Amino acid sequence: MTCRLFLNGLALDTDAASLADLLRTEGFDLSGAIACAVNRAFVPRSQWASRPLDDGDQIDVISPVTGG
């Protein structure tokens, strides 16, 4: 089932069933240093595969920035 999400503020239609599926589909390296929140609530990495997605969810993916 396709749902409309907002990934880092941009609308996205997806068939991804879980947060991990969405991250993979969108090209994120799941072994990399990223953090995720769904509807402004932090989701621990251990829950990404089991965190279902719902129509209208707002997903924020944050990566560290290096440099000074």
PDB file of N, CA and C in Angstrom:
ATOM      1  N   MET A   1       0.836  -1.168   0.000  1.00  0.00           N
ATOM      2  CA  MET A   1       0.000   0.000   0.000  1.00  0.00           C
ATOM      3  C   MET A   1       0.892   1.245   0.000  1.00  0.00           C
ATOM      4  N   THR A   2       0.614   2.142  -0.905  1.00  0.00           N
ATOM      5  CA  THR A   2       1.391   3.368  -1.008  1.00  0.00           C
ATOM      6  C   THR A   2       0.881   4.402  -0.015  1.00  0.00           C
ATOM      7  N   CYS A   3       1.817   5.060   0.647  1.00  0.00           N
ATOM      8  CA  CYS A   3       1.426   6.144   1.540  1.00  0.00           C
ATOM      9  C   CYS A   3       2.303   7.353   1.253  1.00  0.00           C
ATOM     10  N   ARG A   4       1.816   8.503   1.632  1.00  0.00           N
ATOM     11  CA  ARG A   4       2.559   9.749   1.456  1.00  0.00           C
ATOM     12  C   ARG A   4       3.192  10.109   2.786  1.00  0.00           C
ATOM     13  N   LEU A   5       4.519  10.268   2.735  1.00  0.00           N
ATOM     14  CA  LEU A   5       5.305  10.644   3.906  1.00  0.00           C
ATOM     15  C   LEU A   5       6.021  11.952   3.614  1.00  0.00           C
ATOM     16  N   PHE A   6       6.653  12.466   4.631  1.00  0.00           N
ATOM     17  CA  PHE A   6       7.503  13.631   4.468  1.00  0.00           C
ATOM     18  C   PHE A   6       8.878  13.260   5.013  1.00  0.00           C
ATOM     19  N   LEU A   7       9.844  13.175   4.115  1.00  0.00           N
ATOM     20  CA  LEU A   7      11.202  12.787   4.480  1.00  0.00           C
ATOM     21  C   LEU A   7      12.069  14.038   4.451  1.00  0.00           C
ATOM     22  N   ASN A   8      12.551  14.429   5.616  1.00  0.00           N
ATOM     23  CA  ASN A   8      13.332  15.665   5.748  1.00  0.00           C
ATOM     24  C   ASN A   8      12.603  16.844   5.097  1.00  0.00           C
ATOM     25  N   GLY A   9      11.278  16.877   5.284  1.00  0.00           N
ATOM     26  CA  GLY A   9      10.473  17.988   4.813  1.00  0.00           C
ATOM     27  C   GLY A   9       9.951  17.875   3.391  1.00  0.00           C
ATOM     28  N   LEU A  10      10.380  16.863   2.643  1.00  0.00           N
ATOM     29  CA  LEU A  10       9.947  16.705   1.261  1.00  0.00           C
ATOM     30  C   LEU A  10       8.908  15.588   1.152  1.00  0.00           C
ATOM     31  N   ALA A  11       7.818  15.865   0.439  1.00  0.00           N
ATOM     32  CA  ALA A  11       6.768  14.854   0.251  1.00  0.00           C
ATOM     33  C   ALA A  11       7.306  13.697  -0.565  1.00  0.00           C
ATOM     34  N   LEU A  12       6.888  12.487  -0.179  1.00  0.00           N
ATOM     35  CA  LEU A  12       7.376  11.276  -0.829  1.00  0.00           C
ATOM     36  C   LEU A  12       6.280  10.225  -0.785  1.00  0.00           C
ATOM     37  N   ASP A  13       5.967   9.629  -1.930  1.00  0.00           N
ATOM     38  CA  ASP A  13       5.048   8.494  -1.976  1.00  0.00           C
ATOM     39  C   ASP A  13       5.885   7.229  -1.953  1.00  0.00           C
ATOM     40  N   THR A  14       5.556   6.295  -1.074  1.00  0.00           N
ATOM     41  CA  THR A  14       6.371   5.096  -0.915  1.00  0.00           C
ATOM     42  C   THR A  14       5.520   3.877  -0.590  1.00  0.00           C
ATOM     43  N   ASP A  15       6.069   2.713  -0.905  1.00  0.00           N
ATOM     44  CA  ASP A  15       5.471   1.429  -0.540  1.00  0.00           C
ATOM     45  C   ASP A  15       6.222   0.806   0.634  1.00  0.00           C
ATOM     46  N   ALA A  16       7.206   1.508   1.180  1.00  0.00           N
ATOM     47  CA  ALA A  16       8.004   0.972   2.291  1.00  0.00           C
ATOM     48  C   ALA A  16       7.101   0.694   3.492  1.00  0.00           C
ATOM     49  N   ALA A  17       7.291  -0.476   4.078  1.00  0.00           N
ATOM     50  CA  ALA A  17       6.459  -0.882   5.210  1.00  0.00           C
ATOM     51  C   ALA A  17       7.046  -0.460   6.551  1.00  0.00           C
ATOM     52  N   SER A  18       8.364  -0.297   6.598  1.00  0.00           N
ATOM     53  CA  SER A  18       9.014   0.048   7.865  1.00  0.00           C
ATOM     54  C   SER A  18      10.002   1.185   7.651  1.00  0.00           C
ATOM     55  N   LEU A  19      10.458   1.746   8.735  1.00  0.00           N
ATOM     56  CA  LEU A  19      11.451   2.807   8.658  1.00  0.00           C
ATOM     57  C   LEU A  19      12.720   2.294   7.986  1.00  0.00           C
ATOM     58  N   ALA A  20      13.171   1.095   8.329  1.00  0.00           N
ATOM     59  CA  ALA A  20      14.372   0.527   7.704  1.00  0.00           C
ATOM     60  C   ALA A  20      14.178   0.360   6.203  1.00  0.00           C
ATOM     61  N   ASP A  21      13.000  -0.108   5.774  1.00  0.00           N
ATOM     62  CA  ASP A  21      12.718  -0.254   4.343  1.00  0.00           C
ATOM     63  C   ASP A  21      12.818   1.091   3.639  1.00  0.00           C
ATOM     64  N   LEU A  22      12.241   2.115   4.246  1.00  0.00           N
ATOM     65  CA  LEU A  22      12.270   3.450   3.650  1.00  0.00           C
ATOM     66  C   LEU A  22      13.707   3.949   3.520  1.00  0.00           C
ATOM     67  N   LEU A  23      14.490   3.794   4.566  1.00  0.00           N
ATOM     68  CA  LEU A  23      15.873   4.267   4.536  1.00  0.00           C
ATOM     69  C   LEU A  23      16.664   3.566   3.435  1.00  0.00           C
ATOM     70  N   ARG A  24      16.497   2.249   3.313  1.00  0.00           N
ATOM     71  CA  ARG A  24      17.182   1.491   2.256  1.00  0.00           C
ATOM     72  C   ARG A  24      16.735   1.972   0.880  1.00  0.00           C
ATOM     73  N   THR A  25      15.428   2.098   0.698  1.00  0.00           N
ATOM     74  CA  THR A  25      14.867   2.512  -0.590  1.00  0.00           C
ATOM     75  C   THR A  25      15.391   3.882  -1.004  1.00  0.00           C
ATOM     76  N   GLU A  26      15.570   4.758  -0.036  1.00  0.00           N
ATOM     77  CA  GLU A  26      16.016   6.116  -0.330  1.00  0.00           C
ATOM     78  C   GLU A  26      17.544   6.257  -0.353  1.00  0.00           C
ATOM     79  N   GLY A  27      18.257   5.131  -0.230  1.00  0.00           N
ATOM     80  CA  GLY A  27      19.707   5.135  -0.414  1.00  0.00           C
ATOM     81  C   GLY A  27      20.554   5.457   0.800  1.00  0.00           C
ATOM     82  N   PHE A  28      19.963   5.421   1.979  1.00  0.00           N
ATOM     83  CA  PHE A  28      20.747   5.670   3.186  1.00  0.00           C
ATOM     84  C   PHE A  28      21.545   4.423   3.558  1.00  0.00           C
ATOM     85  N   ASP A  29      22.757   4.621   4.019  1.00  0.00           N
ATOM     86  CA  ASP A  29      23.612   3.533   4.493  1.00  0.00           C
ATOM     87  C   ASP A  29      23.222   3.243   5.945  1.00  0.00           C
ATOM     88  N   LEU A  30      22.550   2.103   6.159  1.00  0.00           N
ATOM     89  CA  LEU A  30      22.053   1.794   7.499  1.00  0.00           C
ATOM     90  C   LEU A  30      23.168   1.514   8.503  1.00  0.00           C
ATOM     91  N   SER A  31      24.369   1.252   8.004  1.00  0.00           N
ATOM     92  CA  SER A  31      25.479   1.026   8.932  1.00  0.00           C
ATOM     93  C   SER A  31      26.193   2.333   9.264  1.00  0.00           C
ATOM     94  N   GLY A  32      25.816   3.401   8.578  1.00  0.00           N
ATOM     95  CA  GLY A  32      26.447   4.700   8.794  1.00  0.00           C
ATOM     96  C   GLY A  32      25.925   5.385  10.044  1.00  0.00           C
ATOM     97  N   ALA A  33      26.508   6.520  10.323  1.00  0.00           N
ATOM     98  CA  ALA A  33      26.158   7.306  11.514  1.00  0.00           C
ATOM     99  C   ALA A  33      24.984   8.217  11.179  1.00  0.00           C
ATOM    100  N   ILE A  34      23.774   7.698  11.345  1.00  0.00           N
ATOM    101  CA  ILE A  34      22.578   8.505  11.149  1.00  0.00           C
ATOM    102  C   ILE A  34      21.632   8.267  12.323  1.00  0.00           C
ATOM    103  N   ALA A  35      20.774   9.230  12.543  1.00  0.00           N
ATOM    104  CA  ALA A  35      19.741   9.112  13.567  1.00  0.00           C
ATOM    105  C   ALA A  35      18.415   9.438  12.897  1.00  0.00           C
ATOM    106  N   CYS A  36      17.335   8.834  13.402  1.00  0.00           N
ATOM    107  CA  CYS A  36      16.021   9.032  12.795  1.00  0.00           C
ATOM    108  C   CYS A  36      14.973   9.375  13.845  1.00  0.00           C
ATOM    109  N   ALA A  37      14.035  10.201  13.405  1.00  0.00           N
ATOM    110  CA  ALA A  37      12.870  10.524  14.217  1.00  0.00           C
ATOM    111  C   ALA A  37      11.637  10.401  13.336  1.00  0.00           C
ATOM    112  N   VAL A  38      10.569   9.898  13.911  1.00  0.00           N
ATOM    113  CA  VAL A  38       9.289   9.824  13.216  1.00  0.00           C
ATOM    114  C   VAL A  38       8.314  10.668  14.029  1.00  0.00           C
ATOM    115  N   ASN A  39       7.728  11.641  13.364  1.00  0.00           N
ATOM    116  CA  ASN A  39       6.811  12.574  14.028  1.00  0.00           C
ATOM    117  C   ASN A  39       7.445  13.196  15.269  1.00  0.00           C
ATOM    118  N   ARG A  40       8.714  13.579  15.107  1.00  0.00           N
ATOM    119  CA  ARG A  40       9.511  14.273  16.127  1.00  0.00           C
ATOM    120  C   ARG A  40       9.890  13.403  17.324  1.00  0.00           C
ATOM    121  N   ALA A  41       9.663  12.083  17.228  1.00  0.00           N
ATOM    122  CA  ALA A  41      10.057  11.171  18.306  1.00  0.00           C
ATOM    123  C   ALA A  41      11.228  10.315  17.823  1.00  0.00           C
ATOM    124  N   PHE A  42      12.335  10.349  18.571  1.00  0.00           N
ATOM    125  CA  PHE A  42      13.515   9.561  18.228  1.00  0.00           C
ATOM    126  C   PHE A  42      13.157   8.083  18.153  1.00  0.00           C
ATOM    127  N   VAL A  43      13.683   7.403  17.120  1.00  0.00           N
ATOM    128  CA  VAL A  43      13.483   5.959  16.972  1.00  0.00           C
ATOM    129  C   VAL A  43      14.859   5.302  17.062  1.00  0.00           C
ATOM    130  N   PRO A  44      15.103   4.478  18.095  1.00  0.00           N
ATOM    131  CA  PRO A  44      16.395   3.798  18.206  1.00  0.00           C
ATOM    132  C   PRO A  44      16.644   2.882  17.011  1.00  0.00           C
ATOM    133  N   ARG A  45      17.893   2.786  16.628  1.00  0.00           N
ATOM    134  CA  ARG A  45      18.284   1.939  15.488  1.00  0.00           C
ATOM    135  C   ARG A  45      17.723   0.520  15.627  1.00  0.00           C
ATOM    136  N   SER A  46      17.679  -0.005  16.830  1.00  0.00           N
ATOM    137  CA  SER A  46      17.193  -1.374  17.050  1.00  0.00           C
ATOM    138  C   SER A  46      15.717  -1.529  16.698  1.00  0.00           C
ATOM    139  N   GLN A  47      14.994  -0.422  16.539  1.00  0.00           N
ATOM    140  CA  GLN A  47      13.561  -0.476  16.219  1.00  0.00           C
ATOM    141  C   GLN A  47      13.238  -0.092  14.777  1.00  0.00           C
ATOM    142  N   TRP A  48      14.240   0.269  13.989  1.00  0.00           N
ATOM    143  CA  TRP A  48      13.978   0.705  12.621  1.00  0.00           C
ATOM    144  C   TRP A  48      13.223  -0.346  11.809  1.00  0.00           C
ATOM    145  N   ALA A  49      13.617  -1.610  11.916  1.00  0.00           N
ATOM    146  CA  ALA A  49      12.985  -2.666  11.109  1.00  0.00           C
ATOM    147  C   ALA A  49      11.552  -2.939  11.554  1.00  0.00           C
ATOM    148  N   SER A  50      11.236  -2.672  12.796  1.00  0.00           N
ATOM    149  CA  SER A  50       9.888  -2.972  13.299  1.00  0.00           C
ATOM    150  C   SER A  50       8.996  -1.734  13.372  1.00  0.00           C
ATOM    151  N   ARG A  51       9.535  -0.551  13.064  1.00  0.00           N
ATOM    152  CA  ARG A  51       8.734   0.688  13.151  1.00  0.00           C
ATOM    153  C   ARG A  51       7.923   0.855  11.872  1.00  0.00           C
ATOM    154  N   PRO A  52       6.596   0.601  11.943  1.00  0.00           N
ATOM    155  CA  PRO A  52       5.767   0.756  10.738  1.00  0.00           C
ATOM    156  C   PRO A  52       5.605   2.227  10.376  1.00  0.00           C
ATOM    157  N   LEU A  53       5.281   2.462   9.117  1.00  0.00           N
ATOM    158  CA  LEU A  53       5.056   3.814   8.631  1.00  0.00           C
ATOM    159  C   LEU A  53       3.580   4.002   8.317  1.00  0.00           C
ATOM    160  N   ASP A  54       3.081   5.191   8.594  1.00  0.00           N
ATOM    161  CA  ASP A  54       1.682   5.523   8.337  1.00  0.00           C
ATOM    162  C   ASP A  54       1.607   6.739   7.438  1.00  0.00           C
ATOM    163  N   ASP A  55       0.521   6.830   6.708  1.00  0.00           N
ATOM    164  CA  ASP A  55       0.285   7.970   5.841  1.00  0.00           C
ATOM    165  C   ASP A  55       0.417   9.268   6.643  1.00  0.00           C
ATOM    166  N   GLY A  56       1.189  10.204   6.119  1.00  0.00           N
ATOM    167  CA  GLY A  56       1.360  11.490   6.772  1.00  0.00           C
ATOM    168  C   GLY A  56       2.519  11.576   7.752  1.00  0.00           C
ATOM    169  N   ASP A  57       3.196  10.443   8.019  1.00  0.00           N
ATOM    170  CA  ASP A  57       4.333  10.486   8.945  1.00  0.00           C
ATOM    171  C   ASP A  57       5.395  11.469   8.460  1.00  0.00           C
ATOM    172  N   GLN A  58       6.029  12.112   9.418  1.00  0.00           N
ATOM    173  CA  GLN A  58       7.143  13.008   9.127  1.00  0.00           C
ATOM    174  C   GLN A  58       8.410  12.358   9.644  1.00  0.00           C
ATOM    175  N   ILE A  59       9.294  12.013   8.718  1.00  0.00           N
ATOM    176  CA  ILE A  59      10.536  11.333   9.066  1.00  0.00           C
ATOM    177  C   ILE A  59      11.690  12.308   8.892  1.00  0.00           C
ATOM    178  N   ASP A  60      12.518  12.408   9.930  1.00  0.00           N
ATOM    179  CA  ASP A  60      13.726  13.225   9.864  1.00  0.00           C
ATOM    180  C   ASP A  60      14.925  12.302  10.012  1.00  0.00           C
ATOM    181  N   VAL A  61      15.853  12.413   9.070  1.00  0.00           N
ATOM    182  CA  VAL A  61      17.092  11.645   9.105  1.00  0.00           C
ATOM    183  C   VAL A  61      18.224  12.650   9.266  1.00  0.00           C
ATOM    184  N   ILE A  62      19.032  12.431  10.281  1.00  0.00           N
ATOM    185  CA  ILE A  62      20.088  13.367  10.620  1.00  0.00           C
ATOM    186  C   ILE A  62      21.427  12.650  10.555  1.00  0.00           C
ATOM    187  N   SER A  63      22.377  13.259   9.842  1.00  0.00           N
ATOM    188  CA  SER A  63      23.734  12.732   9.753  1.00  0.00           C
ATOM    189  C   SER A  63      24.681  13.744  10.393  1.00  0.00           C
ATOM    190  N   PRO A  64      25.731  13.254  11.020  1.00  0.00           N
ATOM    191  CA  PRO A  64      26.688  14.192  11.594  1.00  0.00           C
ATOM    192  C   PRO A  64      27.430  14.956  10.498  1.00  0.00           C
ATOM    193  N   VAL A  65      27.813  16.167  10.805  1.00  0.00           N
ATOM    194  CA  VAL A  65      28.575  16.988   9.875  1.00  0.00           C
ATOM    195  C   VAL A  65      29.965  17.158  10.467  1.00  0.00           C
ATOM    196  N   THR A  66      30.983  16.889   9.660  1.00  0.00           N
ATOM    197  CA  THR A  66      32.340  17.030  10.146  1.00  0.00           C
ATOM    198  C   THR A  66      32.923  18.352   9.654  1.00  0.00           C
ATOM    199  N   GLY A  67      33.936  18.755  10.295  1.00  0.00           N
ATOM    200  CA  GLY A  67      34.592  20.003   9.915  1.00  0.00           C
ATOM    201  C   GLY A  67      34.492  21.017  11.040  1.00  0.00           C
ATOM    202  N   GLY A  68      35.031  22.144  10.840  1.00  0.00           N
ATOM    203  CA  GLY A  68      35.069  23.103  11.907  1.00  0.00           C
ATOM    204  C   GLY A  68      34.416  24.358  11.544  1.00  0.00           C
TER     205      GLY A  68
END
